[in-house]
Amino acid sequence: MVTRRENELWSWSAADLARAIATRAISSREAVQSSLGRIAEVNPALNAVVEVLADEALAAADTADAAVKSGAELGVLHGVPVTIKVNVDQRGHATTNGVVAFRDVIATEDSPVVANFRKAGAVIVGRTNTPAFSHRWFTNNDLHGATYNPWGRRLTPGGSSGGAASAVASGMGAIAHGNDFGGSIRYPAYACGVAGLRPTPGRIPAFNPSATSDRPITAQMMSVQGPLARSVADLGLGLAAMAQADPRDGTWLPVPLQGAPLKRPVGVAIAAAPFGDEAPEVSAAVRAAGRWLAEAGFAVEETAPPRLAEAADLWHRLVINEERRVLAPMIRKFGDDRSRYNLDGHIVYAPELDGDQVLACFEQRLSIVRAWQLFQERCPVIILPVSAQLPFRFDQDQEDADVVHALLDAQRPLLAVPALGFPSVVVPTGTAGDVPVGVQVIAGRFREDVCLAVAEVIEARASTLTPIDPRD
């Protein structure tokens, strides 16, 4: 494990880099060269960045430095090196989504998230790996190969933003872009010991110009773009950069990033074992977070939010039944063997529903959302496990059916949140042996500011886990 090294700019936070670049204490070129050097040093062991953009990044860094010298207005990430996941469009690069058949799908324009990073002044140093179709909590595909967790190859780096989490945890970029439909930001953050933000749907605009059709309804409701970083403060900068308006996304809403102050003491509900099958280390992390918050003046009580199991089950019923119609045929045709086996495990987990039953699920969803919002009148903040288990073994979803079923059970705390549309921040709390562990902080809709503020209190009491040198 390593901490910030004064002469190694790759180890600095995005906030420190942006401040130093703006004041000309360092140049963006120096920051980007340091990041590219770190990629060259550690990426061969991790395969997190599958396309290194050295020439493009250095040219962008020189442009950023010229803007500083000219006195131009600077964005929140001006000159800061970041990475982009290969499942969103970036002009001139392939949107592979980890699929061999898509290796030549070259984007002709930037997606909103890439455009917004550029507007904020960020410099894109590389594109990060994802499983085929971004459909696993494990990052391994036939096109780009396997991404490894810097904490050890026996562990998954998570998925689908496993490349993003592995890259930021090991210092390849200050902030990593990811996206989250069923935990694809939060689970990799948990597995790699970094912070990750799943914002409220409608907060960050999304659209892939290369797509041949619009997203199905559950993706429109639940899939979001968001940042991963080594600190909670950097998540806030990433959110500010990514949340700018883009007319190509009709679901984006112009909600202020800062909401009204909450009544004090702020109520916090912690649920250390909401499903009764959590590993002791997982429950201990939640209770530690609750203890730290109580010591900081929060009104903490141990109680689970209402109908949590229903919410997790609802995710499977809605998403998997839509996957049967939309995604499954694509994976069967173009996916690799791992993605097809993973799909089979998901499909048998949820019952097949007819149209009336799917519509009934949407009615049930509204009822659960109402119950949570009433609960949040007393406890605006909820602390849950990310997963019931410590980070999974590498490619554990390729094991036998019983293992896969238990794996899906373990992710229920992760899946309830997108089903209901609330924001969540994953923050590390320390380690269990030599494995990272953390919690997720959930607040009301569009209250990412509350999630971030509470996560910072936890972070201040927790161990600093990253950046980390890759372990064998």
Protein backbone atom coordinates (compact mmCIF):
# COMPACT_ATOMS: atom_id res chain seq x y z
CA MET A 1 0.00 0.00 0.00
CA VAL A 2 1.25 3.53 -0.78
CA THR A 3 0.06 7.02 0.02
CA ARG A 4 0.58 10.31 -1.75
CA ARG A 5 4.19 10.86 -2.76
CA GLU A 6 5.05 14.53 -3.15
CA ASN A 7 7.25 13.97 -6.20
CA GLU A 8 4.87 11.47 -7.85
CA LEU A 9 2.00 13.46 -9.34
CA TRP A 10 0.06 10.31 -10.24
CA SER A 11 -0.55 9.79 -6.52
CA TRP A 12 -2.10 13.24 -5.97
CA SER A 13 -5.83 13.80 -5.69
CA ALA A 14 -7.76 15.43 -8.51
CA ALA A 15 -8.42 18.42 -6.25
CA ASP A 16 -4.72 18.90 -5.51
CA LEU A 17 -3.78 18.52 -9.16
CA ALA A 18 -6.43 20.97 -10.36
CA ARG A 19 -5.35 23.54 -7.75
CA ALA A 20 -1.65 23.16 -8.56
CA ILE A 21 -2.25 23.38 -12.32
CA ALA A 22 -4.46 26.46 -11.96
CA THR A 23 -1.80 28.25 -9.88
CA ARG A 24 1.00 27.08 -12.23
CA ALA A 25 2.76 25.22 -9.41
CA ILE A 26 2.82 22.32 -11.85
CA SER A 27 1.76 21.92 -15.46
CA SER A 28 -0.91 19.66 -16.86
CA ARG A 29 1.80 18.11 -19.07
CA GLU A 30 3.72 17.13 -15.94
CA ALA A 31 0.60 15.62 -14.37
CA VAL A 32 -0.30 13.74 -17.54
CA GLN A 33 3.25 12.49 -18.08
CA SER A 34 3.26 11.18 -14.51
CA SER A 35 -0.06 9.41 -15.08
CA LEU A 36 1.17 7.88 -18.35
CA GLY A 37 4.33 6.76 -16.59
CA ARG A 38 2.28 5.07 -13.89
CA ILE A 39 0.18 3.33 -16.57
CA ALA A 40 3.36 2.04 -18.19
CA GLU A 41 4.59 0.81 -14.81
CA VAL A 42 1.52 -0.99 -13.43
CA ASN A 43 -0.92 -1.60 -16.26
CA PRO A 44 0.96 -4.64 -17.63
CA ALA A 45 0.14 -6.40 -14.33
CA LEU A 46 -3.49 -5.20 -14.17
CA ASN A 47 -4.78 -4.66 -17.74
CA ALA A 48 -7.16 -1.98 -16.49
CA VAL A 49 -6.50 0.51 -19.30
CA VAL A 50 -7.00 -1.26 -22.62
CA GLU A 51 -6.33 1.77 -24.81
CA VAL A 52 -3.62 4.24 -23.78
CA LEU A 53 -4.05 7.68 -25.38
CA ALA A 54 -0.58 9.11 -24.82
CA ASP A 55 -0.25 11.40 -27.85
CA GLU A 56 -3.82 12.66 -27.60
CA ALA A 57 -3.49 13.25 -23.86
CA LEU A 58 -0.21 15.15 -24.10
CA ALA A 59 -1.64 17.39 -26.81
CA ALA A 60 -4.69 18.08 -24.60
CA ALA A 61 -2.37 18.80 -21.66
CA ASP A 62 -0.44 21.37 -23.70
CA THR A 63 -3.73 23.02 -24.66
CA ALA A 64 -4.73 23.07 -20.99
CA ASP A 65 -1.44 24.69 -20.02
CA ALA A 66 -1.85 27.34 -22.71
CA ALA A 67 -5.31 28.15 -21.33
CA VAL A 68 -3.85 28.65 -17.86
CA LYS A 69 -1.18 31.00 -19.18
CA SER A 70 -3.77 33.01 -21.14
CA GLY A 71 -5.89 33.63 -18.04
CA ALA A 72 -8.89 31.77 -19.46
CA GLU A 73 -11.69 30.59 -17.17
CA LEU A 74 -10.83 27.06 -15.99
CA GLY A 75 -13.09 24.09 -15.39
CA VAL A 76 -13.16 22.11 -12.14
CA LEU A 77 -10.86 19.40 -13.56
CA HIS A 78 -8.66 21.59 -15.72
CA GLY A 79 -5.61 19.62 -16.82
CA VAL A 80 -6.39 16.61 -14.59
CA PRO A 81 -5.83 13.09 -16.01
CA VAL A 82 -8.93 10.86 -16.09
CA THR A 83 -10.00 7.60 -17.71
CA ILE A 84 -13.13 6.66 -19.69
CA LYS A 85 -14.82 3.25 -19.81
CA VAL A 86 -14.93 1.54 -23.22
CA ASN A 87 -18.74 1.30 -23.24
CA VAL A 88 -19.34 5.00 -23.98
CA ASP A 89 -18.62 6.91 -27.16
CA GLN A 90 -15.40 8.89 -27.37
CA ARG A 91 -14.75 10.50 -30.74
CA GLY A 92 -12.24 8.55 -32.83
CA HIS A 93 -12.19 5.47 -30.58
CA ALA A 94 -13.99 2.14 -30.58
CA THR A 95 -16.97 1.70 -28.27
CA THR A 96 -16.21 -1.99 -27.84
CA ASN A 97 -18.23 -2.69 -24.68
CA GLY A 98 -15.82 -5.60 -24.26
CA VAL A 99 -17.21 -7.41 -27.34
CA VAL A 100 -15.06 -8.77 -30.16
CA ALA A 101 -17.72 -7.98 -32.78
CA PHE A 102 -17.70 -4.30 -31.75
CA ARG A 103 -13.96 -3.72 -32.01
CA ASP A 104 -14.44 -1.53 -35.11
CA VAL A 105 -17.42 0.52 -33.86
CA ILE A 106 -15.59 3.84 -34.02
CA ALA A 107 -17.43 6.76 -32.43
CA THR A 108 -17.82 9.84 -34.58
CA GLU A 109 -18.75 12.12 -31.68
CA ASP A 110 -18.40 12.22 -27.91
CA SER A 111 -21.05 10.95 -25.55
CA PRO A 112 -22.34 13.56 -23.06
CA VAL A 113 -20.13 12.26 -20.26
CA VAL A 114 -16.98 12.55 -22.38
CA ALA A 115 -18.04 15.97 -23.68
CA ASN A 116 -18.63 17.15 -20.12
CA PHE A 117 -15.26 15.92 -18.92
CA ARG A 118 -13.65 17.87 -21.75
CA LYS A 119 -15.70 21.00 -20.87
CA ALA A 120 -14.43 20.67 -17.30
CA GLY A 121 -10.87 20.65 -18.64
CA ALA A 122 -10.08 17.01 -17.87
CA VAL A 123 -7.44 15.20 -19.94
CA ILE A 124 -8.37 11.66 -20.99
CA VAL A 125 -5.32 9.40 -20.69
CA GLY A 126 -6.93 6.05 -21.50
CA ARG A 127 -9.99 3.86 -21.85
CA THR A 128 -10.77 1.18 -19.29
CA ASN A 129 -11.93 -2.40 -19.55
CA THR A 130 -15.39 -3.86 -19.00
CA PRO A 131 -16.87 -7.37 -19.30
CA ALA A 132 -18.68 -8.23 -22.52
CA PHE A 133 -21.84 -6.12 -22.74
CA SER A 134 -20.92 -4.67 -19.31
CA HIS A 135 -22.99 -7.45 -17.78
CA ARG A 136 -20.90 -9.00 -15.00
CA TRP A 137 -19.43 -8.11 -11.59
CA PHE A 138 -16.18 -9.53 -13.02
CA THR A 139 -14.07 -7.89 -15.73
CA ASN A 140 -12.83 -10.41 -18.25
CA ASN A 141 -13.62 -10.67 -21.97
CA ASP A 142 -12.35 -12.24 -25.17
CA LEU A 143 -11.46 -8.91 -26.79
CA HIS A 144 -9.38 -7.14 -24.15
CA GLY A 145 -8.64 -9.97 -21.72
CA ALA A 146 -8.88 -10.01 -17.93
CA THR A 147 -8.50 -7.01 -15.63
CA TYR A 148 -7.00 -7.76 -12.23
CA ASN A 149 -7.58 -6.29 -8.80
CA PRO A 150 -4.46 -4.47 -7.50
CA TRP A 151 -5.14 -6.07 -4.10
CA GLY A 152 -4.41 -9.50 -5.60
CA ARG A 153 -5.27 -11.55 -8.66
CA ARG A 154 -7.36 -13.98 -6.66
CA LEU A 155 -9.97 -11.21 -6.20
CA THR A 156 -12.33 -9.77 -8.80
CA PRO A 157 -11.77 -6.07 -9.50
CA GLY A 158 -15.55 -5.93 -9.74
CA GLY A 159 -17.60 -5.12 -12.77
CA SER A 160 -18.67 -3.83 -14.94
CA SER A 161 -16.44 -0.81 -14.18
CA GLY A 162 -13.64 -3.12 -13.05
CA GLY A 163 -11.07 -1.49 -15.30
CA ALA A 164 -12.05 1.95 -13.96
CA ALA A 165 -11.73 0.86 -10.32
CA SER A 166 -8.44 -1.00 -10.83
CA ALA A 167 -6.99 1.99 -12.71
CA VAL A 168 -7.90 4.62 -10.13
CA ALA A 169 -6.93 2.39 -7.18
CA SER A 170 -3.45 1.91 -8.62
CA GLY A 171 -2.92 5.55 -9.58
CA MET A 172 -3.34 5.48 -13.36
CA GLY A 173 -5.72 8.46 -13.31
CA ALA A 174 -7.10 10.78 -10.66
CA ILE A 175 -10.75 10.09 -11.51
CA ALA A 176 -12.28 7.21 -13.47
CA HIS A 177 -15.56 7.26 -15.34
CA GLY A 178 -17.93 4.38 -14.76
CA ASN A 179 -21.60 3.52 -15.06
CA ASP A 180 -23.99 1.68 -12.76
CA PHE A 181 -27.15 -0.28 -13.62
CA GLY A 182 -26.85 -3.08 -11.07
CA GLY A 183 -23.84 -1.97 -9.03
CA SER A 184 -21.28 -1.45 -11.80
CA ILE A 185 -19.70 1.56 -10.06
CA ARG A 186 -20.34 0.63 -6.46
CA TYR A 187 -19.19 -2.99 -6.54
CA PRO A 188 -15.84 -2.30 -8.27
CA ALA A 189 -15.24 0.57 -5.83
CA TYR A 190 -15.88 -1.84 -2.96
CA ALA A 191 -13.68 -4.58 -4.44
CA CYS A 192 -10.74 -2.24 -5.14
CA GLY A 193 -10.92 -0.11 -2.00
CA VAL A 194 -11.88 3.21 -3.62
CA ALA A 195 -14.86 5.56 -3.48
CA GLY A 196 -17.64 5.43 -6.05
CA LEU A 197 -20.79 7.48 -6.65
CA ARG A 198 -24.02 6.22 -8.15
CA PRO A 199 -26.01 9.42 -8.72
CA THR A 200 -29.76 9.81 -9.01
CA PRO A 201 -31.09 8.92 -12.49
CA GLY A 202 -31.45 12.18 -14.40
CA ARG A 203 -28.46 13.81 -12.69
CA ILE A 204 -25.75 13.05 -15.30
CA PRO A 205 -26.72 13.01 -19.00
CA ALA A 206 -26.06 9.86 -21.01
CA PHE A 207 -26.36 8.92 -24.68
CA ASN A 208 -24.27 6.91 -27.11
CA PRO A 209 -24.50 8.43 -30.61
CA SER A 210 -23.26 5.12 -32.05
CA ALA A 211 -26.27 3.23 -30.64
CA THR A 212 -28.75 1.92 -33.20
CA SER A 213 -31.71 2.23 -30.81
CA ASP A 214 -32.57 3.93 -27.55
CA ARG A 215 -32.18 2.20 -24.20
CA PRO A 216 -35.00 -0.03 -22.91
CA ILE A 217 -37.19 1.30 -20.13
CA THR A 218 -35.41 -0.27 -17.13
CA ALA A 219 -32.07 1.11 -18.36
CA GLN A 220 -33.66 4.54 -18.76
CA MET A 221 -34.88 4.30 -15.16
CA MET A 222 -31.86 2.72 -13.48
CA SER A 223 -28.66 3.06 -15.53
CA VAL A 224 -26.47 6.03 -14.56
CA GLN A 225 -23.02 7.46 -15.25
CA GLY A 226 -20.75 8.36 -12.35
CA PRO A 227 -17.20 8.79 -11.01
CA LEU A 228 -14.80 6.56 -9.09
CA ALA A 229 -11.91 8.15 -7.17
CA ARG A 230 -9.50 7.62 -4.32
CA SER A 231 -11.26 10.22 -2.15
CA VAL A 232 -14.83 11.33 -1.57
CA ALA A 233 -13.89 14.96 -2.31
CA ASP A 234 -12.75 13.90 -5.77
CA LEU A 235 -16.11 12.21 -6.33
CA GLY A 236 -17.68 15.62 -5.79
CA LEU A 237 -15.44 17.16 -8.43
CA GLY A 238 -16.24 14.32 -10.81
CA LEU A 239 -19.95 14.82 -10.25
CA ALA A 240 -19.71 18.57 -10.86
CA ALA A 241 -17.87 17.92 -14.11
CA MET A 242 -20.18 15.16 -15.39
CA ALA A 243 -23.56 16.66 -14.42
CA GLN A 244 -23.61 19.50 -16.95
CA ALA A 245 -26.63 19.68 -19.25
CA ASP A 246 -26.72 17.94 -22.63
CA PRO A 247 -29.80 18.19 -24.88
CA ARG A 248 -29.27 14.66 -26.22
CA ASP A 249 -30.55 13.15 -22.97
CA GLY A 250 -34.23 13.87 -22.40
CA THR A 251 -34.12 12.42 -18.87
CA TRP A 252 -31.55 14.93 -17.53
CA LEU A 253 -32.98 17.33 -14.93
CA PRO A 254 -31.58 20.75 -13.93
CA VAL A 255 -31.49 20.08 -10.18
CA PRO A 256 -28.91 22.03 -8.10
CA LEU A 257 -25.99 19.97 -6.84
CA GLN A 258 -26.45 21.41 -3.34
CA GLY A 259 -29.76 20.88 -1.54
CA ALA A 260 -31.30 22.46 1.55
CA PRO A 261 -29.58 21.78 4.89
CA LEU A 262 -31.01 18.82 6.81
CA LYS A 263 -32.48 19.26 10.27
CA ARG A 264 -29.93 18.39 12.97
CA PRO A 265 -29.10 15.98 14.38
CA VAL A 266 -29.32 14.14 11.08
CA GLY A 267 -30.94 10.73 11.47
CA VAL A 268 -28.95 7.76 10.20
CA ALA A 269 -30.30 4.22 9.86
CA ILE A 270 -27.68 1.49 9.78
CA ALA A 271 -28.51 -2.07 8.74
CA ALA A 272 -25.52 -4.25 9.46
CA ALA A 273 -27.18 -7.54 8.52
CA PRO A 274 -30.36 -6.70 6.58
CA PHE A 275 -30.68 -10.15 5.00
CA GLY A 276 -29.20 -12.20 7.83
CA ASP A 277 -26.48 -13.83 5.73
CA GLU A 278 -23.81 -11.11 5.80
CA ALA A 279 -20.19 -11.98 6.51
CA PRO A 280 -19.10 -10.82 9.99
CA GLU A 281 -16.54 -8.45 8.47
CA VAL A 282 -19.25 -6.84 6.34
CA SER A 283 -21.53 -6.25 9.33
CA ALA A 284 -18.59 -4.94 11.35
CA ALA A 285 -17.86 -2.34 8.67
CA VAL A 286 -21.43 -1.04 8.79
CA ARG A 287 -21.39 -0.86 12.58
CA ALA A 288 -18.03 0.93 12.53
CA ALA A 289 -19.44 3.53 10.13
CA GLY A 290 -22.44 3.96 12.42
CA ARG A 291 -20.21 4.39 15.46
CA TRP A 292 -18.07 7.02 13.72
CA LEU A 293 -21.17 8.94 12.64
CA ALA A 294 -22.64 8.82 16.15
CA GLU A 295 -19.38 10.22 17.51
CA ALA A 296 -19.65 13.01 14.92
CA GLY A 297 -23.10 14.00 16.21
CA PHE A 298 -25.47 12.06 13.95
CA ALA A 299 -28.55 10.39 15.45
CA VAL A 300 -27.76 6.77 14.59
CA GLU A 301 -30.14 3.86 15.02
CA GLU A 302 -29.78 0.27 13.86
CA THR A 303 -32.81 -0.43 11.68
CA ALA A 304 -33.28 -1.53 8.09
CA PRO A 305 -35.19 0.54 5.53
CA PRO A 306 -38.64 -0.85 4.71
CA ARG A 307 -39.23 -3.60 2.16
CA LEU A 308 -35.55 -3.95 1.28
CA ALA A 309 -35.88 -7.55 0.11
CA GLU A 310 -38.83 -6.57 -2.09
CA ALA A 311 -36.78 -3.80 -3.68
CA ALA A 312 -33.90 -6.15 -4.50
CA ASP A 313 -36.29 -8.75 -5.89
CA LEU A 314 -37.95 -6.05 -7.96
CA TRP A 315 -34.63 -5.26 -9.67
CA HIS A 316 -34.33 -8.87 -10.83
CA ARG A 317 -37.95 -9.12 -11.93
CA LEU A 318 -37.85 -5.95 -14.00
CA VAL A 319 -34.31 -6.03 -15.35
CA ILE A 320 -33.96 -9.73 -16.10
CA ASN A 321 -37.33 -9.95 -17.79
CA GLU A 322 -36.36 -7.06 -20.01
CA GLU A 323 -32.98 -8.70 -20.64
CA ARG A 324 -34.80 -11.79 -21.90
CA ARG A 325 -36.33 -9.59 -24.60
CA VAL A 326 -33.48 -7.18 -25.45
CA LEU A 327 -30.03 -8.15 -24.19
CA ALA A 328 -30.13 -11.94 -24.12
CA PRO A 329 -30.35 -12.33 -27.91
CA MET A 330 -27.36 -10.01 -28.31
CA ILE A 331 -25.26 -11.87 -25.74
CA ARG A 332 -26.20 -15.23 -27.27
CA LYS A 333 -25.10 -13.97 -30.69
CA PHE A 334 -22.06 -11.79 -29.92
CA GLY A 335 -21.05 -12.50 -26.32
CA ASP A 336 -18.17 -14.65 -25.12
CA ASP A 337 -18.61 -17.91 -23.21
CA ARG A 338 -18.25 -16.18 -19.83
CA SER A 339 -20.98 -13.64 -20.58
CA ARG A 340 -23.33 -16.36 -21.84
CA TYR A 341 -22.80 -18.47 -18.70
CA ASN A 342 -23.33 -15.39 -16.55
CA LEU A 343 -26.54 -14.56 -18.44
CA ASP A 344 -27.86 -18.08 -17.86
CA GLY A 345 -27.27 -17.72 -14.11
CA HIS A 346 -29.17 -14.44 -14.02
CA ILE A 347 -32.10 -15.67 -16.07
CA VAL A 348 -32.81 -18.69 -13.88
CA TYR A 349 -32.69 -16.46 -10.79
CA ALA A 350 -35.84 -14.51 -11.67
CA PRO A 351 -39.25 -15.89 -12.73
CA GLU A 352 -40.45 -15.18 -16.25
CA LEU A 353 -43.27 -12.62 -16.15
CA ASP A 354 -45.99 -11.72 -18.61
CA GLY A 355 -46.83 -8.13 -19.54
CA ASP A 356 -49.43 -7.67 -16.81
CA GLN A 357 -47.02 -8.94 -14.16
CA VAL A 358 -44.32 -6.54 -15.35
CA LEU A 359 -46.77 -3.63 -15.12
CA ALA A 360 -47.67 -4.76 -11.60
CA CYS A 361 -43.97 -4.54 -10.73
CA PHE A 362 -43.95 -0.85 -11.65
CA GLU A 363 -46.95 -0.31 -9.36
CA GLN A 364 -45.11 -2.15 -6.57
CA ARG A 365 -42.03 0.00 -7.18
CA LEU A 366 -43.94 3.22 -6.55
CA SER A 367 -45.26 1.82 -3.29
CA ILE A 368 -41.76 0.87 -2.07
CA VAL A 369 -40.34 4.26 -3.07
CA ARG A 370 -43.07 5.94 -1.02
CA ALA A 371 -42.26 3.75 1.97
CA TRP A 372 -38.56 4.64 1.75
CA GLN A 373 -39.26 8.36 1.43
CA LEU A 374 -41.50 8.27 4.50
CA PHE A 375 -38.75 6.38 6.34
CA GLN A 376 -36.26 9.06 5.26
CA GLU A 377 -38.34 11.71 7.02
CA ARG A 378 -36.86 10.26 10.23
CA CYS A 379 -33.62 8.85 8.82
CA PRO A 380 -32.50 10.84 5.76
CA VAL A 381 -29.32 8.74 5.58
CA ILE A 382 -29.16 4.94 5.27
CA ILE A 383 -25.97 2.89 5.66
CA LEU A 384 -26.05 -0.57 4.07
CA PRO A 385 -23.52 -3.21 3.12
CA VAL A 386 -22.42 -3.06 -0.50
CA SER A 387 -22.51 -6.87 -0.71
CA ALA A 388 -23.22 -9.50 1.92
CA GLN A 389 -19.78 -10.97 1.21
CA LEU A 390 -16.23 -9.71 0.99
CA PRO A 391 -15.03 -9.19 -2.63
CA PHE A 392 -15.62 -12.32 -4.68
CA ARG A 393 -13.03 -14.67 -6.09
CA PHE A 394 -11.83 -13.93 -9.61
CA ASP A 395 -14.48 -15.20 -12.10
CA GLN A 396 -16.58 -16.70 -9.29
CA ASP A 397 -19.68 -16.32 -11.47
CA GLN A 398 -18.26 -19.06 -13.70
CA GLU A 399 -18.53 -21.68 -10.96
CA ASP A 400 -21.43 -24.09 -10.32
CA ALA A 401 -25.09 -23.08 -10.08
CA ASP A 402 -25.22 -23.05 -6.27
CA VAL A 403 -22.23 -20.71 -6.07
CA VAL A 404 -23.77 -18.40 -8.65
CA HIS A 405 -27.11 -18.34 -6.83
CA ALA A 406 -25.39 -17.46 -3.55
CA LEU A 407 -23.42 -14.75 -5.35
CA LEU A 408 -26.63 -13.17 -6.62
CA ASP A 409 -28.15 -13.38 -3.13
CA ALA A 410 -25.13 -11.53 -1.75
CA GLN A 411 -25.73 -8.57 -4.07
CA ARG A 412 -29.24 -7.78 -2.84
CA PRO A 413 -28.18 -4.64 -0.90
CA LEU A 414 -26.50 -3.42 -4.10
CA LEU A 415 -29.55 -4.00 -6.32
CA ALA A 416 -32.26 -2.48 -4.14
CA VAL A 417 -30.88 1.03 -4.66
CA PRO A 418 -31.12 1.31 -8.48
CA ALA A 419 -34.54 -0.35 -8.40
CA LEU A 420 -35.80 2.62 -6.35
CA GLY A 421 -33.72 5.42 -7.90
CA PHE A 422 -31.79 6.75 -4.91
CA PRO A 423 -28.17 7.99 -4.97
CA SER A 424 -25.45 6.07 -3.16
CA VAL A 425 -21.77 6.54 -2.36
CA VAL A 426 -19.52 3.60 -1.59
CA VAL A 427 -16.71 4.51 0.79
CA PRO A 428 -13.94 2.23 2.08
CA THR A 429 -13.87 1.62 5.84
CA GLY A 430 -10.65 -0.40 6.04
CA THR A 431 -9.56 -3.95 5.40
CA ALA A 432 -10.57 -7.42 6.53
CA GLY A 433 -7.22 -9.15 6.57
CA ASP A 434 -5.72 -8.14 3.23
CA VAL A 435 -9.06 -7.48 1.49
CA PRO A 436 -10.78 -4.06 1.27
CA VAL A 437 -14.20 -3.56 2.83
CA GLY A 438 -16.60 -0.62 2.81
CA VAL A 439 -20.20 0.53 3.04
CA GLN A 440 -22.74 2.35 0.91
CA VAL A 441 -24.27 5.65 2.01
CA ILE A 442 -27.76 6.28 0.63
CA ALA A 443 -29.82 9.49 0.77
CA GLY A 444 -32.92 10.99 -0.85
CA ARG A 445 -33.28 11.63 -4.55
CA PHE A 446 -30.86 14.23 -5.89
CA ARG A 447 -29.19 14.46 -2.48
CA GLU A 448 -25.78 13.34 -3.66
CA ASP A 449 -24.49 16.21 -1.53
CA VAL A 450 -25.76 14.44 1.58
CA CYS A 451 -24.23 11.11 0.52
CA LEU A 452 -20.88 12.78 -0.10
CA ALA A 453 -20.87 14.76 3.15
CA VAL A 454 -21.67 11.69 5.25
CA ALA A 455 -19.17 9.55 3.33
CA GLU A 456 -16.47 12.14 4.05
CA VAL A 457 -17.11 11.78 7.79
CA ILE A 458 -16.64 8.01 7.48
CA GLU A 459 -13.59 8.44 5.27
CA ALA A 460 -11.95 10.73 7.85
CA ARG A 461 -12.02 7.89 10.39
CA ALA A 462 -11.14 5.04 8.04
CA SER A 463 -7.76 3.85 6.84
CA THR A 464 -6.35 5.33 3.61
CA LEU A 465 -6.31 2.35 1.28
CA THR A 466 -5.18 3.73 -2.09
CA PRO A 467 -3.23 4.34 -4.23
CA ILE A 468 -1.86 0.84 -4.01
CA ASP A 469 0.95 -0.95 -5.85
CA PRO A 470 -0.27 -4.16 -7.53
CA ARG A 471 0.16 -7.29 -5.46
CA ASP A 472 0.89 -10.70 -6.88
